[in-house]
């Protein structure tokens, strides 16, 4: 019985010894294997057993690429709180709305030029008219008398000047229709070609082919649409007015392609009836620059030629209404130009709040 127990203990001992030897052999073989980028274990030997308290192993089993990404994120986070000591990044130039209203370092005329809605207006008199407006008007007249402008010889009111009254009225109407978004010399050239081809009367335009009209009036702005409107206007004038044009502002505004500016011009030139000021882009721009107009109850610039007309008619004497358009249009073509106004040559600059001092 004793021998059997001894034999059993020996077998158990041998079995345990073999198990330990096999485990050691496996560990050695793993450590001797070459490390590749697909390996999921570390080359570091297993942690040694200690008698002290157990601590977590700091080893992290991640691929090199993921580890790199972690480092990059950490750098970005650090840079966000880092102050620049060299050239700033482009993001640092982003616009931030100022909290205060300090403009002490900005020249006054620059503030006026940058703002498209507000401006410094000259003082107004008791009747609401701008101070010194008569002096400004006289200075503009003096400058215009010494400088010819395209409007003086090629404006809409010059169209058909040698024709009989009825044909001339129709020529002024067609010239006004063609003038929108088009320079005076281009409009004048189109009117001359229509006249040479015998197409400056209602019946002739009504009978003409639309493609022919387009080729003649080109290159006026939106010539395709304007050729179509010319045909429609000619038909209305033939059917309703015997080849003449409407004699009231409201009826003119019903014609295709005719707006307030054109209607007031046609009423003035064609019928000698001044019912309002003809305000185009030049008049609109100049009146806002010199502080003659503003939106009702504010000091803000008018937003459209029609707002300018309403504001200007509140104080400008009616005897000036007919002459103010060609006067300011020529001034805008020669001196007070849209992009680079010639303030150095302008004698009105001493009264103008928008002038470059």
Protein backbone atom coordinates (compact mmCIF):
# COMPACT_ATOMS: atom_id res chain seq x y z
CA UNK A 1 0.00 0.00 0.00
CA UNK A 2 2.81 2.36 0.87
CA UNK A 3 4.59 1.57 -2.40
CA UNK A 4 1.47 2.39 -4.39
CA UNK A 5 1.20 5.81 -2.74
CA UNK A 6 4.85 6.56 -3.38
CA UNK A 7 4.44 5.59 -7.05
CA UNK A 8 1.39 7.86 -7.41
CA UNK A 9 3.21 10.80 -5.81
CA UNK A 10 6.13 10.24 -8.17
CA UNK A 11 3.83 10.31 -11.22
CA UNK A 12 2.18 13.51 -10.06
CA UNK A 13 5.56 15.10 -9.45
CA UNK A 14 6.82 14.05 -12.88
CA UNK A 15 3.63 15.36 -14.52
CA UNK A 16 3.93 18.74 -12.82
CA UNK A 17 7.60 18.97 -13.79
CA UNK A 18 6.81 18.21 -17.43
CA UNK A 19 4.04 20.84 -17.44
CA UNK A 20 6.42 23.49 -16.10
CA UNK A 21 9.07 22.53 -18.66
CA UNK A 22 6.60 22.80 -21.53
CA UNK A 23 5.39 26.24 -20.35
CA UNK A 24 8.96 27.49 -20.13
CA UNK A 25 9.70 26.16 -23.61
CA UNK A 26 6.66 27.97 -25.03
CA UNK A 27 7.69 31.28 -23.45
CA UNK A 28 11.22 30.92 -24.82
CA UNK A 29 9.95 30.16 -28.30
CA UNK A 30 7.68 33.20 -28.28
CA UNK A 31 10.48 35.47 -27.17
CA UNK A 32 12.73 34.15 -29.95
CA UNK A 33 10.13 34.77 -32.70
CA UNK A 34 10.94 37.78 -35.00
CA UNK A 35 8.80 40.89 -34.33
CA UNK A 36 6.73 42.11 -37.30
CA UNK A 37 4.26 44.93 -37.84
CA UNK A 38 1.47 42.37 -37.57
CA UNK A 39 2.59 41.13 -34.15
CA UNK A 40 0.20 41.90 -31.31
CA UNK A 41 2.63 41.30 -28.45
CA UNK A 42 5.54 43.30 -27.16
CA UNK A 43 9.19 42.19 -27.12
CA UNK A 44 9.42 43.19 -23.48
CA UNK A 45 9.75 40.26 -21.09
CA UNK A 46 6.79 39.44 -18.87
CA UNK A 47 6.58 41.45 -15.68
CA UNK A 48 8.49 40.07 -12.73
CA UNK A 49 6.57 38.87 -9.70
CA UNK A 50 7.15 40.93 -6.61
CA UNK A 51 6.08 40.65 -3.08
CA UNK A 52 4.75 44.22 -3.03
CA UNK A 53 1.24 45.37 -3.85
CA UNK A 54 -0.04 44.60 -7.34
CA UNK A 55 0.06 47.48 -9.90
CA UNK A 56 -1.39 47.83 -13.40
CA UNK A 57 1.07 47.23 -16.24
CA UNK A 58 1.46 50.47 -18.31
CA UNK A 59 2.08 48.58 -21.58
CA UNK A 60 -0.30 49.53 -24.41
CA UNK A 61 -0.66 47.09 -27.29
CA UNK A 62 -1.36 49.43 -30.24
CA UNK A 63 -0.06 49.62 -33.77
CA UNK A 64 2.55 52.20 -34.65
CA UNK A 65 0.14 54.07 -36.94
CA UNK A 66 -2.46 54.52 -34.21
CA UNK A 67 0.19 55.66 -31.79
CA UNK A 68 1.29 58.29 -34.30
CA UNK A 69 -2.24 59.60 -34.67
CA UNK A 70 -2.52 59.97 -30.92
CA UNK A 71 0.66 62.05 -30.85
CA UNK A 72 -0.60 64.35 -33.64
CA UNK A 73 -3.86 65.02 -31.79
CA UNK A 74 -1.94 65.87 -28.69
CA UNK A 75 0.15 68.41 -30.61
CA UNK A 76 -2.92 70.08 -32.09
CA UNK A 77 -4.45 70.39 -28.66
CA UNK A 78 -1.26 71.94 -27.34
CA UNK A 79 -1.10 74.47 -30.19
CA UNK A 80 -4.59 75.73 -29.48
CA UNK A 81 -3.48 77.14 -26.16
CA UNK A 82 -0.09 78.25 -27.40
CA UNK A 83 0.64 81.92 -28.12
CA UNK A 84 2.26 82.79 -31.44
CA UNK A 85 5.80 84.03 -31.27
CA UNK A 86 6.35 84.26 -35.05
CA UNK A 87 4.14 84.95 -38.04
CA UNK A 88 0.43 84.34 -37.30
CA UNK A 89 -1.68 81.85 -39.20
CA UNK A 90 -4.22 83.05 -41.74
CA UNK A 91 -7.07 82.19 -39.38
CA UNK A 92 -5.83 84.92 -37.06
CA UNK A 93 -6.90 87.47 -39.65
CA UNK A 94 -10.57 86.45 -39.39
CA UNK A 95 -12.95 89.36 -38.93
CA UNK A 96 -14.25 89.93 -35.42
CA UNK A 97 -16.98 92.50 -34.92
CA UNK A 98 -15.63 95.28 -32.69
CA UNK A 99 -17.30 95.68 -29.35
CA UNK A 100 -16.73 99.41 -29.09
CA UNK A 101 -17.26 102.34 -31.43
CA UNK A 102 -13.75 103.77 -31.42
CA UNK A 103 -12.92 105.19 -34.87
CA UNK A 104 -10.23 107.59 -33.79
CA UNK A 105 -7.61 105.98 -36.04
CA UNK A 106 -9.83 105.88 -39.17
CA UNK A 107 -10.06 108.97 -41.38
CA UNK A 108 -13.53 110.41 -41.67
CA UNK A 109 -13.73 110.15 -45.45
CA UNK A 110 -12.64 106.50 -45.26
CA UNK A 111 -15.49 105.69 -42.87
CA UNK A 112 -17.94 107.35 -45.25
CA UNK A 113 -16.51 105.47 -48.20
CA UNK A 114 -16.64 102.10 -46.48
CA UNK A 115 -20.22 102.52 -45.27
CA UNK A 116 -22.80 101.96 -47.98
CA UNK A 117 -25.78 103.00 -45.90
CA UNK A 118 -24.81 105.96 -43.72
CA UNK A 119 -23.03 109.20 -44.39
CA UNK A 120 -22.38 112.61 -42.90
CA UNK A 121 -25.00 115.02 -44.21
CA UNK A 122 -24.43 118.75 -44.46
CA UNK A 123 -26.61 120.90 -42.23
CA UNK A 124 -30.14 121.53 -43.46
CA UNK A 125 -32.03 124.78 -43.63
CA UNK A 126 -35.47 125.50 -42.19
CA UNK A 127 -37.27 124.25 -45.31
CA UNK A 128 -35.36 120.94 -45.20
CA UNK A 129 -33.02 121.66 -48.09
CA UNK A 130 -29.28 120.94 -47.68
CA UNK A 131 -27.12 123.87 -46.68
CA UNK A 132 -25.21 125.50 -49.55
CA UNK A 133 -27.11 123.48 -52.19
CA UNK A 134 -27.37 126.55 -54.43
CA UNK A 135 -23.61 127.09 -54.27
CA UNK A 136 -23.04 123.41 -55.03
CA UNK A 137 -25.41 123.58 -58.00
CA UNK A 138 -23.70 126.68 -59.35
CA UNK A 139 -20.24 125.09 -59.03
CA UNK A 140 -21.45 122.01 -60.91
CA UNK A 141 -22.87 124.22 -63.68
CA UNK A 142 -19.53 126.01 -63.99
CA UNK A 143 -17.63 122.73 -64.26
CA UNK A 144 -20.11 121.36 -66.80
CA UNK A 145 -19.84 124.46 -68.98
CA UNK A 146 -16.13 123.84 -69.48
CA UNK A 147 -16.33 120.07 -70.01
CA UNK A 148 -18.37 118.30 -72.67
CA UNK A 149 -19.90 114.97 -71.65
CA UNK A 150 -21.36 112.12 -73.75
CA UNK A 151 -24.88 113.00 -72.59
CA UNK A 152 -24.60 116.43 -74.23
CA UNK A 153 -24.55 114.99 -77.75
CA UNK A 154 -25.74 111.40 -77.35
CA UNK A 155 -28.35 111.49 -74.57
CA UNK A 156 -31.86 110.06 -75.03
CA UNK A 157 -33.34 113.54 -75.46
CA UNK A 158 -31.20 113.99 -78.61
CA UNK A 159 -32.80 111.03 -80.41
CA UNK A 160 -34.69 111.98 -83.59
CA UNK A 161 -34.10 115.68 -83.04
CA UNK A 162 -34.58 116.36 -86.78
CA UNK A 163 -37.79 114.32 -87.09
CA UNK A 164 -41.38 115.65 -86.94
CA UNK A 165 -42.88 115.85 -83.39
CA UNK A 166 -44.81 112.57 -83.58
CA UNK A 167 -41.84 110.56 -84.89
CA UNK A 168 -39.49 112.33 -82.52
CA UNK A 169 -41.58 111.36 -79.50
CA UNK A 170 -41.48 107.73 -80.58
CA UNK A 171 -37.70 107.98 -81.14
CA UNK A 172 -37.21 109.36 -77.61
CA UNK A 173 -39.34 106.53 -76.23
CA UNK A 174 -37.30 103.86 -78.04
CA UNK A 175 -34.03 105.54 -77.06
CA UNK A 176 -35.11 105.51 -73.40
CA UNK A 177 -36.05 101.84 -73.66
CA UNK A 178 -32.61 100.98 -75.06
CA UNK A 179 -30.68 103.15 -72.58
CA UNK A 180 -31.03 100.99 -69.46
CA UNK A 181 -27.74 99.30 -68.49
CA UNK A 182 -26.14 100.81 -71.61
CA UNK A 183 -23.72 103.69 -72.16
CA UNK A 184 -24.85 106.73 -74.09
CA UNK A 185 -22.57 106.13 -77.08
CA UNK A 186 -23.87 102.56 -77.51
CA UNK A 187 -27.50 103.70 -77.30
CA UNK A 188 -26.85 106.55 -79.72
CA UNK A 189 -25.25 104.18 -82.22
CA UNK A 190 -28.24 101.82 -82.08
CA UNK A 191 -30.68 104.71 -82.68
CA UNK A 192 -28.64 105.90 -85.65
CA UNK A 193 -28.67 102.41 -87.21
CA UNK A 194 -32.43 102.11 -86.69
CA UNK A 195 -32.89 105.50 -88.35
CA UNK A 196 -30.69 104.54 -91.31
CA UNK A 197 -32.72 101.34 -91.83
CA UNK A 198 -36.05 103.16 -91.58
CA UNK A 199 -36.99 101.41 -88.32
CA UNK A 200 -37.64 104.35 -86.01
CA UNK A 201 -41.42 104.48 -86.28
CA UNK A 202 -44.15 102.35 -84.75
CA UNK A 203 -45.43 100.86 -88.01
CA UNK A 204 -41.91 100.04 -89.31
CA UNK A 205 -40.89 98.25 -86.09
CA UNK A 206 -44.23 96.42 -86.01
CA UNK A 207 -43.63 95.05 -89.54
CA UNK A 208 -39.92 94.26 -89.05
CA UNK A 209 -38.61 90.84 -88.08
CA UNK A 210 -37.46 90.59 -84.47
CA UNK A 211 -34.17 88.96 -85.48
CA UNK A 212 -33.43 91.94 -87.72
CA UNK A 213 -34.10 94.36 -84.87
CA UNK A 214 -31.79 92.38 -82.58
CA UNK A 215 -28.94 92.51 -85.07
CA UNK A 216 -29.36 96.27 -85.53
CA UNK A 217 -29.51 97.28 -81.85
CA UNK A 218 -26.68 94.97 -80.76
CA UNK A 219 -24.57 95.50 -78.55
CA UNK A 220 -26.95 97.36 -76.21
CA UNK A 221 -27.47 95.64 -72.88
CA UNK A 222 -30.11 92.88 -72.91
CA UNK A 223 -30.67 93.46 -76.64
CA UNK A 224 -32.75 90.27 -77.06
CA UNK A 225 -35.28 91.31 -74.43
CA UNK A 226 -35.30 94.90 -75.66
CA UNK A 227 -35.99 93.83 -79.25
CA UNK A 228 -39.01 91.88 -78.01
CA UNK A 229 -40.20 94.88 -75.97
CA UNK A 230 -39.78 97.17 -78.98
CA UNK A 231 -42.16 94.98 -80.98
CA UNK A 232 -44.71 95.02 -78.14
CA UNK A 233 -44.44 98.79 -77.64
CA UNK A 234 -44.86 99.42 -81.37
CA UNK A 235 -48.00 97.28 -81.48
CA UNK A 236 -49.54 99.08 -78.47
CA UNK A 237 -48.72 102.51 -79.93
CA UNK A 238 -50.27 101.53 -83.27
CA UNK A 239 -53.42 99.99 -81.86
CA UNK A 240 -54.13 102.43 -79.01
CA UNK A 241 -52.48 105.74 -79.98
CA UNK A 242 -52.40 105.81 -83.78
CA UNK A 243 -48.64 105.37 -83.93
CA UNK A 244 -47.98 108.05 -81.30
CA UNK A 245 -46.97 107.45 -77.68
CA UNK A 246 -49.04 107.67 -74.44
CA UNK A 247 -49.45 111.21 -73.11
CA UNK A 248 -49.69 110.40 -69.39
CA UNK A 249 -47.18 109.05 -66.91
CA UNK A 250 -49.39 106.16 -65.81
CA UNK A 251 -49.96 104.97 -69.38
CA UNK A 252 -46.27 105.18 -70.18
CA UNK A 253 -45.48 103.01 -67.17
CA UNK A 254 -47.78 100.31 -68.59
CA UNK A 255 -45.54 99.86 -71.63
CA UNK A 256 -43.15 96.86 -71.58
CA UNK A 257 -39.61 97.82 -70.52
CA UNK A 258 -40.50 101.37 -69.42
CA UNK A 259 -39.73 102.34 -65.82
CA UNK A 260 -40.15 105.57 -63.80
CA UNK A 261 -36.86 107.12 -64.98
CA UNK A 262 -37.74 106.62 -68.64
CA UNK A 263 -41.36 107.69 -68.22
CA UNK A 264 -40.40 111.01 -66.58
CA UNK A 265 -37.83 111.68 -69.31
CA UNK A 266 -40.32 110.94 -72.12
CA UNK A 267 -43.01 113.11 -70.50
CA UNK A 268 -40.53 115.98 -70.20
CA UNK A 269 -38.91 115.75 -73.65
CA UNK A 270 -41.79 114.35 -75.65
CA UNK A 271 -44.72 116.29 -74.20
CA UNK A 272 -43.05 119.14 -72.31
CA UNK A 273 -44.79 118.00 -69.14
CA UNK A 274 -42.48 117.85 -66.12
CA UNK A 275 -44.12 115.60 -63.54
CA UNK A 276 -41.00 114.41 -61.76
CA UNK A 277 -37.20 114.23 -61.81
CA UNK A 278 -35.55 111.69 -64.08
CA UNK A 279 -33.13 109.85 -61.78
CA UNK A 280 -30.65 107.39 -63.24
CA UNK A 281 -27.59 105.77 -61.66
CA UNK A 282 -25.48 108.94 -62.01
CA UNK A 283 -28.06 111.19 -60.33
CA UNK A 284 -28.66 108.56 -57.63
CA UNK A 285 -24.94 108.22 -56.87
CA UNK A 286 -24.07 111.93 -56.88
CA UNK A 287 -27.03 113.03 -54.76
CA UNK A 288 -26.03 110.51 -52.09
CA UNK A 289 -22.38 111.53 -52.23
CA UNK A 290 -23.03 115.23 -51.73
CA UNK A 291 -25.65 114.57 -49.05
CA UNK A 292 -28.67 115.87 -50.92
CA UNK A 293 -30.93 112.88 -50.23
CA UNK A 294 -31.63 110.40 -47.47
CA UNK A 295 -34.19 107.81 -46.51
CA UNK A 296 -37.27 109.22 -44.84
CA UNK A 297 -36.68 110.09 -41.18
CA UNK A 298 -33.05 108.91 -41.21
CA UNK A 299 -29.56 109.99 -42.21
CA UNK A 300 -29.09 106.84 -44.29
CA UNK A 301 -28.45 106.79 -48.02
CA UNK A 302 -31.31 106.08 -50.36
CA UNK A 303 -31.33 102.54 -51.68
CA UNK A 304 -32.71 103.06 -55.19
CA UNK A 305 -33.12 105.77 -57.85
CA UNK A 306 -36.82 105.93 -57.04
CA UNK A 307 -36.10 106.69 -53.36
CA UNK A 308 -33.64 109.34 -54.51
CA UNK A 309 -36.28 110.93 -56.75
CA UNK A 310 -38.82 111.10 -53.92
CA UNK A 311 -36.27 112.57 -51.48
CA UNK A 312 -34.93 115.09 -53.99
CA UNK A 313 -38.39 116.33 -54.99
CA UNK A 314 -39.16 117.20 -51.35
CA UNK A 315 -36.94 120.29 -51.44
CA UNK A 316 -35.52 120.93 -54.94
CA UNK A 317 -37.51 123.71 -56.67
CA UNK A 318 -39.61 122.38 -59.54
CA UNK A 319 -38.01 124.73 -62.05
CA UNK A 320 -34.80 122.73 -61.56
CA UNK A 321 -36.38 119.31 -62.13
CA UNK A 322 -35.95 119.15 -65.91
CA UNK A 323 -32.36 120.41 -65.99
CA UNK A 324 -30.99 118.46 -63.04
CA UNK A 325 -30.78 115.14 -64.92
CA UNK A 326 -28.50 116.10 -67.85
CA UNK A 327 -26.52 118.36 -65.52
CA UNK A 328 -25.69 115.62 -63.00
CA UNK A 329 -25.38 112.86 -65.61
CA UNK A 330 -22.66 114.82 -67.42
CA UNK A 331 -21.01 115.65 -64.08
CA UNK A 332 -20.99 111.93 -63.24
CA UNK A 333 -19.50 111.04 -66.61
CA UNK A 334 -16.62 113.51 -66.37
CA UNK A 335 -15.82 114.41 -62.72
CA UNK A 336 -17.82 112.48 -60.11
CA UNK A 337 -17.23 109.10 -61.75
CA UNK A 338 -18.38 105.84 -60.12
CA UNK A 339 -15.03 104.23 -59.23
CA UNK A 340 -12.37 106.96 -59.14
CA UNK A 341 -14.01 110.34 -58.61
CA UNK A 342 -11.73 113.22 -59.56
CA UNK A 343 -12.09 115.06 -56.26
CA UNK A 344 -8.85 116.97 -56.84
CA UNK A 345 -10.41 118.71 -59.85
CA UNK A 346 -13.85 119.17 -58.31
CA UNK A 347 -14.68 122.62 -56.95
CA UNK A 348 -17.56 121.13 -54.96
CA UNK A 349 -15.21 119.07 -52.78
CA UNK A 350 -15.15 121.75 -50.07
CA UNK A 351 -18.89 121.18 -49.57
CA UNK A 352 -18.95 117.42 -50.22
CA UNK A 353 -18.90 115.08 -47.18
CA UNK A 354 -17.67 112.19 -49.36
CA UNK A 355 -14.74 113.98 -51.02
CA UNK A 356 -11.16 112.79 -50.57
CA UNK A 357 -9.57 115.59 -48.58
